[in-house]
C-alpha cells in the first residue's frame, strides 16, 4: 500500500500560508473601505530652516539668494583678523615630545594653534613663551618657525 506524499507538517505549513494570505487580503479590503490615506496626505515639505511640515512652501515668499563664494568649507577659524601679522607671540599649552606635536595659545587672539615638531626652530616644553608664524593647513592654522623668547 502506497503512502501519501504529503506529511502532516507539510499540510500544516500550507494551511498557515493560506491563512496569512486571507488575513492580508482582509486588511487590504479594510483599508480600501475606510478610505485610506491618499498620496497627497503622505507628502511632507521642509521649510527654510530645514524643519518638516505638512504645508507646502509659499510661492510668493522671496527666497534668499546665497553666493557660492561666500560659503566657507573647512576650519571654523578661517576668517581670523589676526592672520595678517607675520610674527605672533604665545605660550605653549601642551607639547608631547614622543609624538612630536602640541598647541600654542596665541597671546592676542587667545586661540589654540597646532604646532608640529617640523615647524620648530628651538626645542620647546610646556609653559614656554614663544614667537611663531602661522600658515594655513588642511585643518586650520599651523605654527611654523617657532622660536623661544628670551626672558
N, C-alpha and C. Protein backbone atom coordinates (compact mmCIF):
# COMPACT_ATOMS: atom_id res chain seq x y z
N UNK A 1 0.83 -1.17 0.00
CA UNK A 1 0.00 0.00 0.00
C UNK A 1 0.88 1.24 0.00
N UNK A 2 0.55 2.18 -0.87
CA UNK A 2 1.36 3.39 -1.02
C UNK A 2 0.99 4.43 0.02
N UNK A 3 2.00 5.10 0.49
CA UNK A 3 1.77 6.17 1.48
C UNK A 3 1.54 7.50 0.77
N UNK A 4 0.88 8.39 1.44
CA UNK A 4 0.65 9.73 0.89
C UNK A 4 1.98 10.48 0.85
N UNK A 5 2.18 11.27 -0.20
CA UNK A 5 3.42 12.03 -0.36
C UNK A 5 3.47 13.22 0.61
N UNK A 6 2.33 13.70 1.03
CA UNK A 6 2.29 14.85 1.95
C UNK A 6 2.31 14.36 3.38
N UNK A 7 3.17 14.99 4.18
CA UNK A 7 3.22 14.66 5.59
C UNK A 7 2.37 15.64 6.36
N UNK A 8 2.19 15.34 7.62
CA UNK A 8 1.37 16.20 8.46
C UNK A 8 1.97 17.62 8.53
N UNK A 9 3.29 17.73 8.62
CA UNK A 9 3.97 19.02 8.73
C UNK A 9 3.76 19.86 7.47
N UNK A 10 3.84 19.24 6.30
CA UNK A 10 3.62 19.97 5.05
C UNK A 10 2.21 20.53 4.98
N UNK A 11 1.22 19.75 5.43
CA UNK A 11 -0.18 20.19 5.41
C UNK A 11 -0.37 21.39 6.32
N UNK A 12 0.26 21.35 7.50
CA UNK A 12 0.15 22.46 8.44
C UNK A 12 0.76 23.74 7.88
N UNK A 13 1.91 23.63 7.24
CA UNK A 13 2.56 24.81 6.65
C UNK A 13 1.68 25.41 5.56
N UNK A 14 1.10 24.56 4.75
CA UNK A 14 0.22 25.04 3.68
C UNK A 14 -1.01 25.74 4.24
N UNK A 15 -1.58 25.21 5.33
CA UNK A 15 -2.74 25.85 5.97
C UNK A 15 -2.38 27.23 6.50
N UNK A 16 -1.21 27.33 7.17
CA UNK A 16 -0.78 28.63 7.71
C UNK A 16 -0.54 29.65 6.60
N UNK A 17 0.03 29.21 5.50
CA UNK A 17 0.30 30.10 4.38
C UNK A 17 -1.01 30.65 3.80
N UNK A 18 -2.01 29.77 3.65
CA UNK A 18 -3.31 30.20 3.14
C UNK A 18 -4.00 31.16 4.12
N UNK A 19 -3.87 30.88 5.42
CA UNK A 19 -4.48 31.74 6.45
C UNK A 19 -3.85 33.14 6.41
N UNK A 20 -2.52 33.23 6.28
CA UNK A 20 -1.85 34.54 6.21
C UNK A 20 -2.29 35.31 4.98
N UNK A 21 -2.43 34.62 3.84
CA UNK A 21 -2.89 35.27 2.62
C UNK A 21 -4.27 35.86 2.78
N UNK A 22 -5.18 35.10 3.44
CA UNK A 22 -6.55 35.58 3.68
C UNK A 22 -6.55 36.79 4.59
N UNK A 23 -5.74 36.76 5.65
CA UNK A 23 -5.67 37.89 6.59
C UNK A 23 -5.13 39.14 5.90
N UNK A 24 -4.13 38.98 5.06
CA UNK A 24 -3.57 40.11 4.33
C UNK A 24 -4.61 40.72 3.39
N UNK A 25 -5.35 39.87 2.72
CA UNK A 25 -6.40 40.34 1.81
C UNK A 25 -7.50 41.08 2.58
N UNK A 26 -7.85 40.60 3.78
CA UNK A 26 -8.86 41.27 4.61
C UNK A 26 -8.38 42.65 5.06
N UNK A 27 -7.11 42.74 5.44
CA UNK A 27 -6.56 44.05 5.85
C UNK A 27 -6.58 45.03 4.68
N UNK A 28 -6.25 44.53 3.50
CA UNK A 28 -6.25 45.37 2.30
C UNK A 28 -7.66 45.89 2.01
N UNK A 29 -8.65 45.01 2.09
CA UNK A 29 -10.05 45.41 1.87
C UNK A 29 -10.50 46.40 2.94
N UNK A 30 -10.07 46.22 4.18
CA UNK A 30 -10.42 47.13 5.27
C UNK A 30 -9.87 48.53 5.03
N UNK A 31 -8.66 48.61 4.53
CA UNK A 31 -8.07 49.93 4.23
C UNK A 31 -8.83 50.61 3.10
N UNK A 32 -9.23 49.84 2.09
CA UNK A 32 -9.98 50.42 0.97
C UNK A 32 -11.34 50.92 1.44
N UNK A 33 -11.97 50.17 2.33
CA UNK A 33 -13.31 50.54 2.81
C UNK A 33 -13.27 51.78 3.70
N UNK A 34 -12.21 51.93 4.49
CA UNK A 34 -12.14 53.08 5.41
C UNK A 34 -11.65 54.34 4.71
N UNK A 35 -11.32 54.26 3.46
CA UNK A 35 -10.91 55.46 2.73
C UNK A 35 -9.41 55.52 2.56
N UNK A 36 -8.61 55.09 3.54
CA UNK A 36 -7.16 55.10 3.43
C UNK A 36 -6.60 56.50 3.25
N UNK A 37 -5.30 56.60 3.26
CA UNK A 37 -4.66 57.90 3.05
C UNK A 37 -4.25 58.03 1.60
N UNK A 38 -4.47 59.20 1.06
CA UNK A 38 -4.09 59.43 -0.32
C UNK A 38 -2.61 59.84 -0.38
N UNK A 39 -2.07 59.88 -1.57
CA UNK A 39 -0.68 60.25 -1.77
C UNK A 39 -0.41 61.66 -1.26
N UNK A 40 -1.36 62.58 -1.51
CA UNK A 40 -1.19 63.97 -1.09
C UNK A 40 -1.10 64.09 0.44
N UNK A 41 -1.80 63.20 1.15
CA UNK A 41 -1.74 63.22 2.62
C UNK A 41 -0.38 62.77 3.14
N UNK A 42 0.33 61.99 2.35
CA UNK A 42 1.61 61.45 2.81
C UNK A 42 2.80 62.33 2.47
N UNK A 43 2.63 63.37 1.67
CA UNK A 43 3.74 64.23 1.27
C UNK A 43 4.13 65.14 2.44
N UNK A 44 5.44 65.29 2.62
CA UNK A 44 5.98 66.19 3.64
C UNK A 44 6.85 67.25 2.96
N UNK A 45 6.88 68.45 3.53
CA UNK A 45 7.65 69.56 2.99
C UNK A 45 8.66 70.02 4.04
N UNK A 46 9.69 70.72 3.59
CA UNK A 46 10.63 71.33 4.54
C UNK A 46 10.56 72.84 4.39
N UNK A 47 10.65 73.54 5.54
CA UNK A 47 10.64 75.00 5.49
C UNK A 47 12.07 75.51 5.31
N UNK A 48 12.25 76.84 5.35
CA UNK A 48 13.57 77.43 5.11
C UNK A 48 14.59 77.11 6.19
N UNK A 49 14.14 76.60 7.35
CA UNK A 49 15.05 76.25 8.43
C UNK A 49 15.34 74.76 8.48
N UNK A 50 14.76 73.98 7.54
CA UNK A 50 15.00 72.55 7.47
C UNK A 50 14.04 71.73 8.29
N UNK A 51 12.99 72.34 8.86
CA UNK A 51 12.00 71.59 9.64
C UNK A 51 10.97 70.97 8.71
N UNK A 52 10.48 69.78 9.05
CA UNK A 52 9.48 69.09 8.24
C UNK A 52 8.09 69.59 8.61
N UNK A 53 7.30 69.97 7.59
CA UNK A 53 5.94 70.46 7.81
C UNK A 53 5.01 69.77 6.82
N UNK A 54 3.70 69.90 7.07
CA UNK A 54 2.72 69.32 6.16
C UNK A 54 2.19 70.36 5.18
N UNK A 55 2.54 71.63 5.35
CA UNK A 55 2.06 72.68 4.45
C UNK A 55 3.11 72.97 3.39
N UNK A 56 2.68 73.12 2.14
CA UNK A 56 3.65 73.42 1.07
C UNK A 56 4.23 74.82 1.23
N UNK A 57 5.41 75.09 0.67
CA UNK A 57 6.01 76.41 0.79
C UNK A 57 5.20 77.46 0.05
N UNK A 58 5.26 78.69 0.54
CA UNK A 58 4.54 79.81 -0.05
C UNK A 58 5.32 80.30 -1.27
N UNK A 59 4.75 80.19 -2.49
CA UNK A 59 5.50 80.59 -3.68
C UNK A 59 5.69 82.11 -3.79
N UNK A 60 4.88 82.90 -3.06
CA UNK A 60 5.02 84.35 -3.14
C UNK A 60 6.15 84.86 -2.25
N UNK A 61 6.59 84.05 -1.32
CA UNK A 61 7.66 84.45 -0.41
C UNK A 61 8.99 84.47 -1.16
N UNK A 62 9.75 85.57 -0.99
CA UNK A 62 11.02 85.73 -1.70
C UNK A 62 12.08 84.83 -1.07
N UNK A 63 12.77 84.08 -1.93
CA UNK A 63 13.82 83.19 -1.46
C UNK A 63 15.12 83.98 -1.31
N UNK A 64 15.89 83.63 -0.29
CA UNK A 64 17.15 84.30 -0.03
C UNK A 64 18.22 83.74 -0.97
N UNK A 65 18.90 84.62 -1.67
CA UNK A 65 19.96 84.20 -2.59
C UNK A 65 21.28 84.10 -1.82
N UNK A 66 22.02 83.02 -2.06
CA UNK A 66 23.30 82.82 -1.41
C UNK A 66 24.37 82.69 -2.48
N UNK A 67 25.45 83.45 -2.32
CA UNK A 67 26.55 83.41 -3.25
C UNK A 67 27.45 82.23 -2.92
N UNK A 68 27.83 81.44 -3.91
CA UNK A 68 28.64 80.24 -3.67
C UNK A 68 30.00 80.59 -3.08
N UNK A 69 30.58 81.71 -3.47
CA UNK A 69 31.91 82.09 -2.98
C UNK A 69 31.90 82.44 -1.49
N UNK A 70 30.73 82.79 -0.95
CA UNK A 70 30.64 83.16 0.47
C UNK A 70 30.63 81.95 1.39
N UNK A 71 30.40 80.76 0.86
CA UNK A 71 30.35 79.55 1.68
C UNK A 71 31.77 79.11 1.99
N UNK A 72 32.08 78.97 3.28
CA UNK A 72 33.42 78.58 3.71
C UNK A 72 33.40 77.11 4.08
N UNK A 73 34.24 76.34 3.43
CA UNK A 73 34.40 74.94 3.74
C UNK A 73 35.73 74.76 4.46
N UNK A 74 35.72 74.03 5.57
CA UNK A 74 36.98 73.78 6.27
C UNK A 74 36.90 74.22 7.71
N UNK A 75 38.03 74.67 8.23
CA UNK A 75 38.15 75.01 9.65
C UNK A 75 37.32 76.24 9.99
N UNK A 76 36.84 76.27 11.23
CA UNK A 76 35.97 77.37 11.66
C UNK A 76 36.73 78.66 11.90
N UNK A 77 38.05 78.60 12.10
CA UNK A 77 38.83 79.80 12.39
C UNK A 77 39.45 80.39 11.13
N UNK A 78 38.87 80.14 9.98
CA UNK A 78 39.48 80.55 8.73
C UNK A 78 39.47 82.07 8.53
N UNK A 79 38.55 82.81 9.13
CA UNK A 79 38.45 84.24 8.91
C UNK A 79 39.06 85.07 10.02
N UNK A 80 40.13 84.62 10.60
CA UNK A 80 40.75 85.33 11.72
C UNK A 80 41.32 86.66 11.25
N UNK A 81 41.06 87.72 12.02
CA UNK A 81 41.53 89.06 11.68
C UNK A 81 43.02 89.22 11.96
N UNK A 82 43.59 88.31 12.73
CA UNK A 82 44.99 88.44 13.12
C UNK A 82 45.93 87.66 12.22
N UNK A 83 45.46 87.12 11.13
CA UNK A 83 46.32 86.34 10.25
C UNK A 83 47.35 87.20 9.53
N UNK A 84 47.10 88.49 9.38
CA UNK A 84 47.99 89.35 8.62
C UNK A 84 49.33 89.54 9.31
N UNK A 85 49.35 89.59 10.65
CA UNK A 85 50.60 89.85 11.35
C UNK A 85 51.53 88.66 11.14
N UNK A 86 52.72 88.90 10.59
CA UNK A 86 53.60 87.79 10.27
C UNK A 86 54.19 87.10 11.50
N UNK A 87 54.50 87.84 12.54
CA UNK A 87 55.11 87.27 13.73
C UNK A 87 54.16 87.38 14.91
N UNK A 88 53.88 86.29 15.56
CA UNK A 88 52.95 86.27 16.69
C UNK A 88 53.66 85.72 17.92
N UNK A 89 53.06 86.01 19.08
CA UNK A 89 53.61 85.51 20.33
C UNK A 89 52.55 84.67 21.04
N UNK A 90 53.03 83.71 21.84
CA UNK A 90 52.10 82.88 22.59
C UNK A 90 52.82 82.02 23.60
N UNK A 91 52.02 81.20 24.29
CA UNK A 91 52.55 80.31 25.32
C UNK A 91 52.20 78.87 24.93
N UNK A 92 53.17 77.97 25.07
CA UNK A 92 52.95 76.56 24.76
C UNK A 92 52.07 75.98 25.86
N UNK A 93 50.85 75.55 25.49
CA UNK A 93 49.93 74.98 26.49
C UNK A 93 50.08 73.48 26.61
N UNK A 94 50.52 72.83 25.52
CA UNK A 94 50.69 71.38 25.52
C UNK A 94 51.73 71.02 24.49
N UNK A 95 52.65 70.13 24.83
CA UNK A 95 53.58 69.60 23.84
C UNK A 95 53.97 68.19 24.22
N UNK A 96 53.81 67.25 23.31
CA UNK A 96 54.14 65.85 23.52
C UNK A 96 55.41 65.55 22.73
N UNK A 97 56.54 65.36 23.45
CA UNK A 97 57.83 65.11 22.79
C UNK A 97 57.83 63.80 22.02
N UNK A 98 57.21 62.77 22.58
CA UNK A 98 57.27 61.46 21.92
C UNK A 98 56.48 61.44 20.61
N UNK A 99 55.38 62.16 20.55
CA UNK A 99 54.58 62.19 19.31
C UNK A 99 54.93 63.37 18.42
N UNK A 100 55.58 64.39 18.98
CA UNK A 100 56.08 65.49 18.16
C UNK A 100 55.06 66.54 17.78
N UNK A 101 54.05 66.77 18.60
CA UNK A 101 53.10 67.84 18.30
C UNK A 101 52.63 68.49 19.60
N UNK A 102 51.98 69.64 19.46
CA UNK A 102 51.44 70.33 20.62
C UNK A 102 50.58 71.50 20.18
N UNK A 103 50.28 72.39 21.15
CA UNK A 103 49.43 73.54 20.88
C UNK A 103 50.00 74.78 21.55
N UNK A 104 49.88 75.90 20.86
CA UNK A 104 50.32 77.19 21.38
C UNK A 104 49.09 78.08 21.49
N UNK A 105 48.93 78.75 22.64
CA UNK A 105 47.82 79.69 22.83
C UNK A 105 48.33 81.07 22.47
N UNK A 106 47.73 81.67 21.44
CA UNK A 106 48.13 82.99 20.97
C UNK A 106 47.82 84.04 22.03
N UNK A 107 48.76 84.96 22.28
CA UNK A 107 48.58 85.99 23.31
C UNK A 107 47.49 86.99 22.94
N UNK A 108 47.37 87.33 21.66
CA UNK A 108 46.39 88.34 21.23
C UNK A 108 44.99 87.76 21.06
N UNK A 109 44.88 86.68 20.29
CA UNK A 109 43.56 86.15 19.95
C UNK A 109 43.06 85.11 20.93
N UNK A 110 43.93 84.57 21.75
CA UNK A 110 43.60 83.51 22.73
C UNK A 110 43.14 82.22 22.04
N UNK A 111 43.44 82.06 20.74
CA UNK A 111 43.07 80.83 20.06
C UNK A 111 44.21 79.82 20.15
N UNK A 112 43.87 78.55 20.10
CA UNK A 112 44.85 77.48 20.20
C UNK A 112 45.31 77.12 18.79
N UNK A 113 46.64 77.12 18.57
CA UNK A 113 47.20 76.87 17.25
C UNK A 113 48.07 75.62 17.32
N UNK A 114 47.87 74.74 16.36
CA UNK A 114 48.60 73.47 16.30
C UNK A 114 50.05 73.73 15.94
N UNK A 115 50.97 72.97 16.57
CA UNK A 115 52.39 73.06 16.22
C UNK A 115 52.94 71.64 16.10
N UNK A 116 53.75 71.42 15.04
CA UNK A 116 54.38 70.12 14.83
C UNK A 116 55.87 70.29 15.00
N UNK A 117 56.55 69.21 15.33
CA UNK A 117 57.99 69.26 15.57
C UNK A 117 58.75 69.73 14.33
N UNK A 118 58.20 69.53 13.13
CA UNK A 118 58.85 70.01 11.90
C UNK A 118 58.85 71.53 11.80
N UNK A 119 57.95 72.21 12.53
CA UNK A 119 57.87 73.67 12.47
C UNK A 119 58.67 74.35 13.57
N UNK A 120 59.47 73.61 14.31
CA UNK A 120 60.23 74.17 15.44
C UNK A 120 61.64 74.58 15.00
N UNK A 121 62.10 75.73 15.51
CA UNK A 121 63.48 76.17 15.35
C UNK A 121 64.27 75.81 16.61
N UNK A 122 63.64 75.98 17.78
CA UNK A 122 64.25 75.67 19.08
C UNK A 122 63.45 74.55 19.74
N UNK A 123 64.06 73.92 20.71
CA UNK A 123 63.38 72.88 21.50
C UNK A 123 62.43 73.57 22.48
N UNK A 124 61.15 73.12 22.56
CA UNK A 124 60.17 73.76 23.44
C UNK A 124 59.59 72.76 24.41
N UNK A 125 59.06 73.29 25.52
CA UNK A 125 58.33 72.50 26.51
C UNK A 125 57.09 73.30 26.91
N UNK A 126 56.24 72.69 27.71
CA UNK A 126 55.02 73.38 28.14
C UNK A 126 55.36 74.63 28.94
N UNK A 127 54.51 75.65 28.83
CA UNK A 127 54.61 76.95 29.50
C UNK A 127 55.77 77.80 29.01
N UNK A 128 56.40 77.45 27.90
CA UNK A 128 57.43 78.31 27.30
C UNK A 128 56.76 79.43 26.52
N UNK A 129 57.37 80.65 26.57
CA UNK A 129 56.90 81.78 25.76
C UNK A 129 57.64 81.70 24.43
N UNK A 130 56.86 81.72 23.33
CA UNK A 130 57.45 81.54 22.00
C UNK A 130 56.96 82.60 21.02
N UNK A 131 57.76 82.79 19.95
CA UNK A 131 57.36 83.61 18.80
C UNK A 131 57.22 82.65 17.63
N UNK A 132 56.23 82.91 16.78
CA UNK A 132 55.98 81.98 15.67
C UNK A 132 55.24 82.67 14.55
N UNK A 133 55.27 82.04 13.39
CA UNK A 133 54.48 82.47 12.23
C UNK A 133 53.41 81.41 12.01
N UNK A 134 52.36 81.78 11.28
CA UNK A 134 51.30 80.81 11.01
C UNK A 134 51.18 80.55 9.52
N UNK A 135 50.73 79.36 9.22
CA UNK A 135 50.42 79.02 7.83
C UNK A 135 49.16 78.16 7.83
N UNK A 136 48.40 78.29 6.78
CA UNK A 136 47.13 77.57 6.67
C UNK A 136 47.41 76.11 6.35
N UNK A 137 46.83 75.21 7.16
CA UNK A 137 46.94 73.77 6.93
C UNK A 137 45.58 73.23 6.53
N UNK A 138 45.48 71.94 6.29
CA UNK A 138 44.19 71.37 5.87
C UNK A 138 43.12 71.44 6.95
N UNK A 139 43.52 71.51 8.22
CA UNK A 139 42.54 71.55 9.31
C UNK A 139 42.55 72.86 10.07
N UNK A 140 43.24 73.88 9.59
CA UNK A 140 43.28 75.17 10.29
C UNK A 140 44.70 75.72 10.30
N UNK A 141 44.94 76.64 11.25
CA UNK A 141 46.25 77.27 11.32
C UNK A 141 47.28 76.35 11.96
N UNK A 142 48.51 76.40 11.42
CA UNK A 142 49.64 75.67 11.98
C UNK A 142 50.73 76.68 12.31
N UNK A 143 51.42 76.48 13.44
CA UNK A 143 52.54 77.35 13.81
C UNK A 143 53.80 76.81 13.14
N UNK A 144 54.57 77.74 12.52
CA UNK A 144 55.84 77.38 11.89
C UNK A 144 56.89 78.38 12.34
N UNK A 145 58.15 78.03 12.18
CA UNK A 145 59.29 78.87 12.60
C UNK A 145 59.15 79.29 14.05
N UNK A 146 58.88 78.32 14.91
CA UNK A 146 58.66 78.58 16.33
C UNK A 146 60.01 78.73 17.03
N UNK A 147 60.21 79.90 17.71
CA UNK A 147 61.45 80.15 18.45
C UNK A 147 61.10 80.58 19.88
N UNK A 148 61.99 80.26 20.81
CA UNK A 148 61.80 80.66 22.21
C UNK A 148 62.04 82.15 22.36
N UNK A 149 61.31 82.79 23.25
CA UNK A 149 61.50 84.21 23.59
C UNK A 149 62.42 84.24 24.79
N UNK A 150 63.49 85.04 24.70
CA UNK A 150 64.44 85.17 25.81
C UNK A 150 63.78 85.95 26.93
N UNK A 151 63.97 85.49 28.16
CA UNK A 151 63.33 86.15 29.31
C UNK A 151 64.12 87.32 29.79
